[in-house]
ModelCIF file with pLDDT and N, C-alpha, C, O atoms, coordinates in Angstrom:
data_MODEL
#
_entry.id   MODEL 
#
_entity.id                         1 
_entity.type                       polymer 
_entity.pdbx_number_of_molecules   1 
#
_entity_poly.entity_id                      1 
_entity_poly.type                           'polypeptide(L)' 
_entity_poly.nstd_linkage                   no 
_entity_poly.nstd_monomer                   no 
_entity_poly.pdbx_seq_one_letter_code       GDLIPDLLDQVRPDLVLYNAGVDPHRNDRLGRLCLSDNGLLNRDR 
_entity_poly.pdbx_seq_one_letter_code_can   GDLIPDLLDQVRPDLVLYNAGVDPHRNDRLGRLCLSDNGLLNRDR 
_entity_poly.pdbx_strand_id                 A 
#
loop_
_entity_poly_seq.entity_id 
_entity_poly_seq.num 
_entity_poly_seq.mon_id 
_entity_poly_seq.hetero 
1 1  GLY n 
1 2  ASP n 
1 3  LEU n 
1 4  ILE n 
1 5  PRO n 
1 6  ASP n 
1 7  LEU n 
1 8  LEU n 
1 9  ASP n 
1 10 GLN n 
1 11 VAL n 
1 12 ARG n 
1 13 PRO n 
1 14 ASP n 
1 15 LEU n 
1 16 VAL n 
1 17 LEU n 
1 18 TYR n 
1 19 ASN n 
1 20 ALA n 
1 21 GLY n 
1 22 VAL n 
1 23 ASP n 
1 24 PRO n 
1 25 HIS n 
1 26 ARG n 
1 27 ASN n 
1 28 ASP n 
1 29 ARG n 
1 30 LEU n 
1 31 GLY n 
1 32 ARG n 
1 33 LEU n 
1 34 CYS n 
1 35 LEU n 
1 36 SER n 
1 37 ASP n 
1 38 ASN n 
1 39 GLY n 
1 40 LEU n 
1 41 LEU n 
1 42 ASN n 
1 43 ARG n 
1 44 ASP n 
1 45 ARG n 
#
_struct_asym.id          A 
_struct_asym.entity_id   1 
#
loop_
_ma_qa_metric.id 
_ma_qa_metric.mode 
_ma_qa_metric.name 
_ma_qa_metric.software_group_id 
_ma_qa_metric.type 
1 global pLDDT . pLDDT 
2 local  pLDDT . pLDDT 
#
_ma_qa_metric_global.metric_id      1 
_ma_qa_metric_global.metric_value   96.51 
_ma_qa_metric_global.model_id       1 
_ma_qa_metric_global.ordinal_id     1 
#
loop_
_ma_qa_metric_local.label_asym_id 
_ma_qa_metric_local.label_comp_id 
_ma_qa_metric_local.label_seq_id 
_ma_qa_metric_local.metric_id 
_ma_qa_metric_local.metric_value 
_ma_qa_metric_local.model_id 
_ma_qa_metric_local.ordinal_id 
A GLY 1  2 95.00 1 1  
A ASP 2  2 94.00 1 2  
A LEU 3  2 97.00 1 3  
A ILE 4  2 98.00 1 4  
A PRO 5  2 97.00 1 5  
A ASP 6  2 97.00 1 6  
A LEU 7  2 97.00 1 7  
A LEU 8  2 98.00 1 8  
A ASP 9  2 97.00 1 9  
A GLN 10 2 96.00 1 10 
A VAL 11 2 96.00 1 11 
A ARG 12 2 97.00 1 12 
A PRO 13 2 98.00 1 13 
A ASP 14 2 98.00 1 14 
A LEU 15 2 98.00 1 15 
A VAL 16 2 98.00 1 16 
A LEU 17 2 98.00 1 17 
A TYR 18 2 98.00 1 18 
A ASN 19 2 98.00 1 19 
A ALA 20 2 98.00 1 20 
A GLY 21 2 97.00 1 21 
A VAL 22 2 97.00 1 22 
A ASP 23 2 96.00 1 23 
A PRO 24 2 97.00 1 24 
A HIS 25 2 98.00 1 25 
A ARG 26 2 96.00 1 26 
A ASN 27 2 96.00 1 27 
A ASP 28 2 94.00 1 28 
A ARG 29 2 91.00 1 29 
A LEU 30 2 90.00 1 30 
A GLY 31 2 89.00 1 31 
A ARG 32 2 93.00 1 32 
A LEU 33 2 96.00 1 33 
A CYS 34 2 96.00 1 34 
A LEU 35 2 98.00 1 35 
A SER 36 2 97.00 1 36 
A ASP 37 2 97.00 1 37 
A ASN 38 2 97.00 1 38 
A GLY 39 2 97.00 1 39 
A LEU 40 2 98.00 1 40 
A LEU 41 2 98.00 1 41 
A ASN 42 2 98.00 1 42 
A ARG 43 2 98.00 1 43 
A ASP 44 2 98.00 1 44 
A ARG 45 2 98.00 1 45 
#
loop_
_atom_site.group_PDB 
_atom_site.id 
_atom_site.type_symbol 
_atom_site.label_atom_id 
_atom_site.label_alt_id 
_atom_site.label_comp_id 
_atom_site.label_asym_id 
_atom_site.label_entity_id 
_atom_site.label_seq_id 
_atom_site.pdbx_PDB_ins_code 
_atom_site.Cartn_x 
_atom_site.Cartn_y 
_atom_site.Cartn_z 
_atom_site.occupancy 
_atom_site.B_iso_or_equiv 
_atom_site.pdbx_formal_charge 
_atom_site.auth_seq_id 
_atom_site.auth_comp_id 
_atom_site.auth_asym_id 
_atom_site.auth_atom_id 
_atom_site.pdbx_PDB_model_num 
ATOM 1   N N  . GLY A 1 1  ? 180.734 -41.074 -27.435 1.00 95.00 ? 1  GLY A N  1 
ATOM 2   C CA . GLY A 1 1  ? 179.849 -40.012 -26.952 1.00 95.00 ? 1  GLY A CA 1 
ATOM 3   C C  . GLY A 1 1  ? 179.014 -40.388 -25.761 1.00 95.00 ? 1  GLY A C  1 
ATOM 4   O O  . GLY A 1 1  ? 178.729 -39.535 -24.920 1.00 95.00 ? 1  GLY A O  1 
ATOM 5   N N  . ASP A 1 2  ? 178.608 -41.645 -25.657 1.00 94.00 ? 2  ASP A N  1 
ATOM 6   C CA . ASP A 1 2  ? 177.874 -42.118 -24.476 1.00 94.00 ? 2  ASP A CA 1 
ATOM 7   C C  . ASP A 1 2  ? 178.779 -42.878 -23.519 1.00 94.00 ? 2  ASP A C  1 
ATOM 8   O O  . ASP A 1 2  ? 178.575 -42.857 -22.305 1.00 94.00 ? 2  ASP A O  1 
ATOM 9   N N  . LEU A 1 3  ? 179.779 -43.549 -24.076 1.00 97.00 ? 3  LEU A N  1 
ATOM 10  C CA . LEU A 1 3  ? 180.657 -44.388 -23.258 1.00 97.00 ? 3  LEU A CA 1 
ATOM 11  C C  . LEU A 1 3  ? 181.341 -43.591 -22.151 1.00 97.00 ? 3  LEU A C  1 
ATOM 12  O O  . LEU A 1 3  ? 181.295 -43.978 -20.984 1.00 97.00 ? 3  LEU A O  1 
ATOM 13  N N  . ILE A 1 4  ? 181.977 -42.476 -22.519 1.00 98.00 ? 4  ILE A N  1 
ATOM 14  C CA . ILE A 1 4  ? 182.759 -41.731 -21.528 1.00 98.00 ? 4  ILE A CA 1 
ATOM 15  C C  . ILE A 1 4  ? 181.867 -41.105 -20.455 1.00 98.00 ? 4  ILE A C  1 
ATOM 16  O O  . ILE A 1 4  ? 182.179 -41.238 -19.272 1.00 98.00 ? 4  ILE A O  1 
ATOM 17  N N  . PRO A 1 5  ? 180.767 -40.426 -20.812 1.00 97.00 ? 5  PRO A N  1 
ATOM 18  C CA . PRO A 1 5  ? 179.897 -39.906 -19.745 1.00 97.00 ? 5  PRO A CA 1 
ATOM 19  C C  . PRO A 1 5  ? 179.356 -41.003 -18.830 1.00 97.00 ? 5  PRO A C  1 
ATOM 20  O O  . PRO A 1 5  ? 179.288 -40.813 -17.616 1.00 97.00 ? 5  PRO A O  1 
ATOM 21  N N  . ASP A 1 6  ? 178.972 -42.141 -19.394 1.00 97.00 ? 6  ASP A N  1 
ATOM 22  C CA . ASP A 1 6  ? 178.427 -43.228 -18.576 1.00 97.00 ? 6  ASP A CA 1 
ATOM 23  C C  . ASP A 1 6  ? 179.472 -43.751 -17.592 1.00 97.00 ? 6  ASP A C  1 
ATOM 24  O O  . ASP A 1 6  ? 179.162 -43.999 -16.427 1.00 97.00 ? 6  ASP A O  1 
ATOM 25  N N  . LEU A 1 7  ? 180.712 -43.917 -18.061 1.00 97.00 ? 7  LEU A N  1 
ATOM 26  C CA . LEU A 1 7  ? 181.762 -44.410 -17.173 1.00 97.00 ? 7  LEU A CA 1 
ATOM 27  C C  . LEU A 1 7  ? 182.077 -43.396 -16.069 1.00 97.00 ? 7  LEU A C  1 
ATOM 28  O O  . LEU A 1 7  ? 182.269 -43.773 -14.913 1.00 97.00 ? 7  LEU A O  1 
ATOM 29  N N  . LEU A 1 8  ? 182.127 -42.120 -16.427 1.00 98.00 ? 8  LEU A N  1 
ATOM 30  C CA . LEU A 1 8  ? 182.396 -41.104 -15.404 1.00 98.00 ? 8  LEU A CA 1 
ATOM 31  C C  . LEU A 1 8  ? 181.290 -41.083 -14.352 1.00 98.00 ? 8  LEU A C  1 
ATOM 32  O O  . LEU A 1 8  ? 181.564 -40.904 -13.165 1.00 98.00 ? 8  LEU A O  1 
ATOM 33  N N  . ASP A 1 9  ? 180.055 -41.263 -14.780 1.00 97.00 ? 9  ASP A N  1 
ATOM 34  C CA . ASP A 1 9  ? 178.954 -41.290 -13.819 1.00 97.00 ? 9  ASP A CA 1 
ATOM 35  C C  . ASP A 1 9  ? 179.013 -42.523 -12.926 1.00 97.00 ? 9  ASP A C  1 
ATOM 36  O O  . ASP A 1 9  ? 178.620 -42.465 -11.760 1.00 97.00 ? 9  ASP A O  1 
ATOM 37  N N  . GLN A 1 10 ? 179.498 -43.630 -13.462 1.00 96.00 ? 10 GLN A N  1 
ATOM 38  C CA . GLN A 1 10 ? 179.635 -44.849 -12.654 1.00 96.00 ? 10 GLN A CA 1 
ATOM 39  C C  . GLN A 1 10 ? 180.785 -44.734 -11.648 1.00 96.00 ? 10 GLN A C  1 
ATOM 40  O O  . GLN A 1 10 ? 180.636 -45.086 -10.477 1.00 96.00 ? 10 GLN A O  1 
ATOM 41  N N  . VAL A 1 11 ? 181.915 -44.243 -12.113 1.00 96.00 ? 11 VAL A N  1 
ATOM 42  C CA . VAL A 1 11 ? 183.140 -44.269 -11.308 1.00 96.00 ? 11 VAL A CA 1 
ATOM 43  C C  . VAL A 1 11 ? 183.264 -43.046 -10.404 1.00 96.00 ? 11 VAL A C  1 
ATOM 44  O O  . VAL A 1 11 ? 183.712 -43.164 -9.263  1.00 96.00 ? 11 VAL A O  1 
ATOM 45  N N  . ARG A 1 12 ? 182.867 -41.863 -10.906 1.00 97.00 ? 12 ARG A N  1 
ATOM 46  C CA . ARG A 1 12 ? 183.019 -40.597 -10.186 1.00 97.00 ? 12 ARG A CA 1 
ATOM 47  C C  . ARG A 1 12 ? 184.445 -40.427 -9.648  1.00 97.00 ? 12 ARG A C  1 
ATOM 48  O O  . ARG A 1 12 ? 184.645 -40.284 -8.442  1.00 97.00 ? 12 ARG A O  1 
ATOM 49  N N  . PRO A 1 13 ? 185.438 -40.444 -10.555 1.00 98.00 ? 13 PRO A N  1 
ATOM 50  C CA . PRO A 1 13 ? 186.831 -40.324 -10.093 1.00 98.00 ? 13 PRO A CA 1 
ATOM 51  C C  . PRO A 1 13 ? 187.118 -38.924 -9.562  1.00 98.00 ? 13 PRO A C  1 
ATOM 52  O O  . PRO A 1 13 ? 186.431 -37.959 -9.898  1.00 98.00 ? 13 PRO A O  1 
ATOM 53  N N  . ASP A 1 14 ? 188.142 -38.838 -8.732  1.00 98.00 ? 14 ASP A N  1 
ATOM 54  C CA . ASP A 1 14 ? 188.595 -37.542 -8.226  1.00 98.00 ? 14 ASP A CA 1 
ATOM 55  C C  . ASP A 1 14 ? 189.436 -36.793 -9.250  1.00 98.00 ? 14 ASP A C  1 
ATOM 56  O O  . ASP A 1 14 ? 189.629 -35.583 -9.132  1.00 98.00 ? 14 ASP A O  1 
ATOM 57  N N  . LEU A 1 15 ? 189.944 -37.512 -10.266 1.00 98.00 ? 15 LEU A N  1 
ATOM 58  C CA . LEU A 1 15 ? 190.793 -36.911 -11.301 1.00 98.00 ? 15 LEU A CA 1 
ATOM 59  C C  . LEU A 1 15 ? 190.769 -37.809 -12.524 1.00 98.00 ? 15 LEU A C  1 
ATOM 60  O O  . LEU A 1 15 ? 190.744 -39.034 -12.406 1.00 98.00 ? 15 LEU A O  1 
ATOM 61  N N  . VAL A 1 16 ? 190.777 -37.194 -13.701 1.00 98.00 ? 16 VAL A N  1 
ATOM 62  C CA . VAL A 1 16 ? 190.962 -37.914 -14.963 1.00 98.00 ? 16 VAL A CA 1 
ATOM 63  C C  . VAL A 1 16 ? 192.324 -37.548 -15.542 1.00 98.00 ? 16 VAL A C  1 
ATOM 64  O O  . VAL A 1 16 ? 192.686 -36.373 -15.606 1.00 98.00 ? 16 VAL A O  1 
ATOM 65  N N  . LEU A 1 17 ? 193.070 -38.560 -15.960 1.00 98.00 ? 17 LEU A N  1 
ATOM 66  C CA . LEU A 1 17 ? 194.289 -38.383 -16.737 1.00 98.00 ? 17 LEU A CA 1 
ATOM 67  C C  . LEU A 1 17 ? 193.941 -38.745 -18.175 1.00 98.00 ? 17 LEU A C  1 
ATOM 68  O O  . LEU A 1 17 ? 193.582 -39.888 -18.460 1.00 98.00 ? 17 LEU A O  1 
ATOM 69  N N  . TYR A 1 18 ? 194.046 -37.780 -19.079 1.00 98.00 ? 18 TYR A N  1 
ATOM 70  C CA . TYR A 1 18 ? 193.568 -37.941 -20.450 1.00 98.00 ? 18 TYR A CA 1 
ATOM 71  C C  . TYR A 1 18 ? 194.730 -37.960 -21.434 1.00 98.00 ? 18 TYR A C  1 
ATOM 72  O O  . TYR A 1 18 ? 195.458 -36.976 -21.573 1.00 98.00 ? 18 TYR A O  1 
ATOM 73  N N  . ASN A 1 19 ? 194.895 -39.092 -22.115 1.00 98.00 ? 19 ASN A N  1 
ATOM 74  C CA . ASN A 1 19 ? 195.897 -39.226 -23.168 1.00 98.00 ? 19 ASN A CA 1 
ATOM 75  C C  . ASN A 1 19 ? 195.250 -38.835 -24.489 1.00 98.00 ? 19 ASN A C  1 
ATOM 76  O O  . ASN A 1 19 ? 194.452 -39.586 -25.051 1.00 98.00 ? 19 ASN A O  1 
ATOM 77  N N  . ALA A 1 20 ? 195.605 -37.647 -24.977 1.00 98.00 ? 20 ALA A N  1 
ATOM 78  C CA . ALA A 1 20 ? 195.004 -37.086 -26.194 1.00 98.00 ? 20 ALA A CA 1 
ATOM 79  C C  . ALA A 1 20 ? 195.894 -37.349 -27.407 1.00 98.00 ? 20 ALA A C  1 
ATOM 80  O O  . ALA A 1 20 ? 196.173 -36.433 -28.180 1.00 98.00 ? 20 ALA A O  1 
ATOM 81  N N  . GLY A 1 21 ? 196.337 -38.585 -27.576 1.00 97.00 ? 21 GLY A N  1 
ATOM 82  C CA . GLY A 1 21 ? 197.165 -38.923 -28.734 1.00 97.00 ? 21 GLY A CA 1 
ATOM 83  C C  . GLY A 1 21 ? 196.497 -38.502 -30.038 1.00 97.00 ? 21 GLY A C  1 
ATOM 84  O O  . GLY A 1 21 ? 195.284 -38.651 -30.188 1.00 97.00 ? 21 GLY A O  1 
ATOM 85  N N  . VAL A 1 22 ? 197.279 -37.975 -30.985 1.00 97.00 ? 22 VAL A N  1 
ATOM 86  C CA . VAL A 1 22 ? 196.715 -37.528 -32.255 1.00 97.00 ? 22 VAL A CA 1 
ATOM 87  C C  . VAL A 1 22 ? 196.950 -38.542 -33.373 1.00 97.00 ? 22 VAL A C  1 
ATOM 88  O O  . VAL A 1 22 ? 196.685 -38.248 -34.538 1.00 97.00 ? 22 VAL A O  1 
ATOM 89  N N  . ASP A 1 23 ? 197.443 -39.726 -33.031 1.00 96.00 ? 23 ASP A N  1 
ATOM 90  C CA . ASP A 1 23 ? 197.678 -40.731 -34.064 1.00 96.00 ? 23 ASP A CA 1 
ATOM 91  C C  . ASP A 1 23 ? 196.415 -41.419 -34.596 1.00 96.00 ? 23 ASP A C  1 
ATOM 92  O O  . ASP A 1 23 ? 196.536 -42.230 -35.514 1.00 96.00 ? 23 ASP A O  1 
ATOM 93  N N  . PRO A 1 24 ? 195.185 -41.138 -34.064 1.00 97.00 ? 24 PRO A N  1 
ATOM 94  C CA . PRO A 1 24 ? 194.001 -41.573 -34.819 1.00 97.00 ? 24 PRO A CA 1 
ATOM 95  C C  . PRO A 1 24 ? 193.755 -40.765 -36.104 1.00 97.00 ? 24 PRO A C  1 
ATOM 96  O O  . PRO A 1 24 ? 192.813 -41.056 -36.842 1.00 97.00 ? 24 PRO A O  1 
ATOM 97  N N  . HIS A 1 25 ? 194.588 -39.762 -36.373 1.00 98.00 ? 25 HIS A N  1 
ATOM 98  C CA . HIS A 1 25 ? 194.401 -38.914 -37.549 1.00 98.00 ? 25 HIS A CA 1 
ATOM 99  C C  . HIS A 1 25 ? 194.571 -39.724 -38.835 1.00 98.00 ? 25 HIS A C  1 
ATOM 100 O O  . HIS A 1 25 ? 195.352 -40.674 -38.881 1.00 98.00 ? 25 HIS A O  1 
ATOM 101 N N  . ARG A 1 26 ? 193.842 -39.344 -39.863 1.00 96.00 ? 26 ARG A N  1 
ATOM 102 C CA . ARG A 1 26 ? 193.828 -40.084 -41.132 1.00 96.00 ? 26 ARG A CA 1 
ATOM 103 C C  . ARG A 1 26 ? 195.193 -40.103 -41.814 1.00 96.00 ? 26 ARG A C  1 
ATOM 104 O O  . ARG A 1 26 ? 195.473 -41.014 -42.594 1.00 96.00 ? 26 ARG A O  1 
ATOM 105 N N  . ASN A 1 27 ? 196.053 -39.113 -41.538 1.00 96.00 ? 27 ASN A N  1 
ATOM 106 C CA . ASN A 1 27 ? 197.354 -39.061 -42.191 1.00 96.00 ? 27 ASN A CA 1 
ATOM 107 C C  . ASN A 1 27 ? 198.494 -39.588 -41.325 1.00 96.00 ? 27 ASN A C  1 
ATOM 108 O O  . ASN A 1 27 ? 199.654 -39.534 -41.733 1.00 96.00 ? 27 ASN A O  1 
ATOM 109 N N  . ASP A 1 28 ? 198.181 -40.093 -40.148 1.00 94.00 ? 28 ASP A N  1 
ATOM 110 C CA . ASP A 1 28 ? 199.256 -40.551 -39.268 1.00 94.00 ? 28 ASP A CA 1 
ATOM 111 C C  . ASP A 1 28 ? 199.904 -41.819 -39.835 1.00 94.00 ? 28 ASP A C  1 
ATOM 112 O O  . ASP A 1 28 ? 199.221 -42.736 -40.291 1.00 94.00 ? 28 ASP A O  1 
ATOM 113 N N  . ARG A 1 29 ? 201.224 -41.844 -39.795 1.00 91.00 ? 29 ARG A N  1 
ATOM 114 C CA . ARG A 1 29 ? 201.961 -42.966 -40.385 1.00 91.00 ? 29 ARG A CA 1 
ATOM 115 C C  . ARG A 1 29 ? 201.745 -44.270 -39.630 1.00 91.00 ? 29 ARG A C  1 
ATOM 116 O O  . ARG A 1 29 ? 201.859 -45.348 -40.212 1.00 91.00 ? 29 ARG A O  1 
ATOM 117 N N  . LEU A 1 30 ? 201.432 -44.183 -38.333 1.00 90.00 ? 30 LEU A N  1 
ATOM 118 C CA . LEU A 1 30 ? 201.269 -45.380 -37.513 1.00 90.00 ? 30 LEU A CA 1 
ATOM 119 C C  . LEU A 1 30 ? 199.835 -45.544 -37.025 1.00 90.00 ? 30 LEU A C  1 
ATOM 120 O O  . LEU A 1 30 ? 199.601 -46.221 -36.024 1.00 90.00 ? 30 LEU A O  1 
ATOM 121 N N  . GLY A 1 31 ? 198.882 -44.942 -37.709 1.00 89.00 ? 31 GLY A N  1 
ATOM 122 C CA . GLY A 1 31 ? 197.529 -44.849 -37.194 1.00 89.00 ? 31 GLY A CA 1 
ATOM 123 C C  . GLY A 1 31 ? 196.574 -45.953 -37.602 1.00 89.00 ? 31 GLY A C  1 
ATOM 124 O O  . GLY A 1 31 ? 196.408 -46.923 -36.862 1.00 89.00 ? 31 GLY A O  1 
ATOM 125 N N  . ARG A 1 32 ? 195.937 -45.832 -38.767 1.00 93.00 ? 32 ARG A N  1 
ATOM 126 C CA . ARG A 1 32 ? 194.940 -46.743 -39.332 1.00 93.00 ? 32 ARG A CA 1 
ATOM 127 C C  . ARG A 1 32 ? 193.494 -46.297 -39.066 1.00 93.00 ? 32 ARG A C  1 
ATOM 128 O O  . ARG A 1 32 ? 192.571 -46.876 -39.639 1.00 93.00 ? 32 ARG A O  1 
ATOM 129 N N  . LEU A 1 33 ? 193.275 -45.304 -38.231 1.00 96.00 ? 33 LEU A N  1 
ATOM 130 C CA . LEU A 1 33 ? 191.948 -44.708 -38.164 1.00 96.00 ? 33 LEU A CA 1 
ATOM 131 C C  . LEU A 1 33 ? 191.909 -43.528 -39.129 1.00 96.00 ? 33 LEU A C  1 
ATOM 132 O O  . LEU A 1 33 ? 192.891 -43.265 -39.822 1.00 96.00 ? 33 LEU A O  1 
ATOM 133 N N  . CYS A 1 34 ? 190.776 -42.810 -39.180 1.00 96.00 ? 34 CYS A N  1 
ATOM 134 C CA . CYS A 1 34 ? 190.607 -41.832 -40.257 1.00 96.00 ? 34 CYS A CA 1 
ATOM 135 C C  . CYS A 1 34 ? 189.979 -40.538 -39.741 1.00 96.00 ? 34 CYS A C  1 
ATOM 136 O O  . CYS A 1 34 ? 189.082 -39.988 -40.379 1.00 96.00 ? 34 CYS A O  1 
ATOM 137 N N  . LEU A 1 35 ? 190.446 -40.048 -38.588 1.00 98.00 ? 35 LEU A N  1 
ATOM 138 C CA . LEU A 1 35 ? 189.916 -38.793 -38.059 1.00 98.00 ? 35 LEU A CA 1 
ATOM 139 C C  . LEU A 1 35 ? 190.570 -37.608 -38.758 1.00 98.00 ? 35 LEU A C  1 
ATOM 140 O O  . LEU A 1 35 ? 191.708 -37.691 -39.219 1.00 98.00 ? 35 LEU A O  1 
ATOM 141 N N  . SER A 1 36 ? 189.832 -36.508 -38.827 1.00 97.00 ? 36 SER A N  1 
ATOM 142 C CA . SER A 1 36 ? 190.349 -35.241 -39.341 1.00 97.00 ? 36 SER A CA 1 
ATOM 143 C C  . SER A 1 36 ? 190.830 -34.388 -38.175 1.00 97.00 ? 36 SER A C  1 
ATOM 144 O O  . SER A 1 36 ? 190.657 -34.757 -37.013 1.00 97.00 ? 36 SER A O  1 
ATOM 145 N N  . ASP A 1 37 ? 191.438 -33.240 -38.490 1.00 97.00 ? 37 ASP A N  1 
ATOM 146 C CA . ASP A 1 37 ? 191.802 -32.288 -37.439 1.00 97.00 ? 37 ASP A CA 1 
ATOM 147 C C  . ASP A 1 37 ? 190.571 -31.890 -36.635 1.00 97.00 ? 37 ASP A C  1 
ATOM 148 O O  . ASP A 1 37 ? 190.607 -31.833 -35.406 1.00 97.00 ? 37 ASP A O  1 
ATOM 149 N N  . ASN A 1 38 ? 189.473 -31.615 -37.352 1.00 97.00 ? 38 ASN A N  1 
ATOM 150 C CA . ASN A 1 38 ? 188.254 -31.201 -36.659 1.00 97.00 ? 38 ASN A CA 1 
ATOM 151 C C  . ASN A 1 38 ? 187.686 -32.325 -35.800 1.00 97.00 ? 38 ASN A C  1 
ATOM 152 O O  . ASN A 1 38 ? 187.129 -32.080 -34.730 1.00 97.00 ? 38 ASN A O  1 
ATOM 153 N N  . GLY A 1 39 ? 187.833 -33.551 -36.273 1.00 97.00 ? 39 GLY A N  1 
ATOM 154 C CA . GLY A 1 39 ? 187.390 -34.690 -35.478 1.00 97.00 ? 39 GLY A CA 1 
ATOM 155 C C  . GLY A 1 39 ? 188.172 -34.820 -34.180 1.00 97.00 ? 39 GLY A C  1 
ATOM 156 O O  . GLY A 1 39 ? 187.596 -35.096 -33.127 1.00 97.00 ? 39 GLY A O  1 
ATOM 157 N N  . LEU A 1 40 ? 189.487 -34.620 -34.256 1.00 98.00 ? 40 LEU A N  1 
ATOM 158 C CA . LEU A 1 40 ? 190.309 -34.659 -33.043 1.00 98.00 ? 40 LEU A CA 1 
ATOM 159 C C  . LEU A 1 40 ? 189.933 -33.538 -32.085 1.00 98.00 ? 40 LEU A C  1 
ATOM 160 O O  . LEU A 1 40 ? 189.840 -33.751 -30.876 1.00 98.00 ? 40 LEU A O  1 
ATOM 161 N N  . LEU A 1 41 ? 189.717 -32.335 -32.631 1.00 98.00 ? 41 LEU A N  1 
ATOM 162 C CA . LEU A 1 41 ? 189.348 -31.203 -31.781 1.00 98.00 ? 41 LEU A CA 1 
ATOM 163 C C  . LEU A 1 41 ? 188.017 -31.473 -31.081 1.00 98.00 ? 41 LEU A C  1 
ATOM 164 O O  . LEU A 1 41 ? 187.888 -31.207 -29.886 1.00 98.00 ? 41 LEU A O  1 
ATOM 165 N N  . ASN A 1 42 ? 187.030 -31.994 -31.803 1.00 98.00 ? 42 ASN A N  1 
ATOM 166 C CA . ASN A 1 42 ? 185.732 -32.286 -31.193 1.00 98.00 ? 42 ASN A CA 1 
ATOM 167 C C  . ASN A 1 42 ? 185.823 -33.422 -30.184 1.00 98.00 ? 42 ASN A C  1 
ATOM 168 O O  . ASN A 1 42 ? 185.108 -33.430 -29.182 1.00 98.00 ? 42 ASN A O  1 
ATOM 169 N N  . ARG A 1 43 ? 186.707 -34.385 -30.453 1.00 98.00 ? 43 ARG A N  1 
ATOM 170 C CA . ARG A 1 43 ? 186.976 -35.436 -29.461 1.00 98.00 ? 43 ARG A CA 1 
ATOM 171 C C  . ARG A 1 43 ? 187.485 -34.836 -28.155 1.00 98.00 ? 43 ARG A C  1 
ATOM 172 O O  . ARG A 1 43 ? 187.003 -35.178 -27.076 1.00 98.00 ? 43 ARG A O  1 
ATOM 173 N N  . ASP A 1 44 ? 188.472 -33.930 -28.263 1.00 98.00 ? 44 ASP A N  1 
ATOM 174 C CA . ASP A 1 44 ? 189.046 -33.318 -27.064 1.00 98.00 ? 44 ASP A CA 1 
ATOM 175 C C  . ASP A 1 44 ? 188.016 -32.459 -26.335 1.00 98.00 ? 44 ASP A C  1 
ATOM 176 O O  . ASP A 1 44 ? 187.937 -32.479 -25.106 1.00 98.00 ? 44 ASP A O  1 
ATOM 177 N N  . ARG A 1 45 ? 187.234 -31.713 -27.094 1.00 98.00 ? 45 ARG A N  1 
ATOM 178 C CA . ARG A 1 45 ? 186.171 -30.918 -26.473 1.00 98.00 ? 45 ARG A CA 1 
ATOM 179 C C  . ARG A 1 45 ? 185.202 -31.811 -25.710 1.00 98.00 ? 45 ARG A C  1 
ATOM 180 O O  . ARG A 1 45 ? 184.241 -31.318 -25.120 1.00 98.00 ? 45 ARG A O  1 
#
């Protein structure tokens, strides 16, 4: 929540390429993190 805004303010890139992988989800077979659908949606927002 603070990391990404701080980095954007430091770098001020002309474009962001965002990899929105959904494998941090709690049910992902190759994941190991424990996010919910709502957690992923709020991450993307």
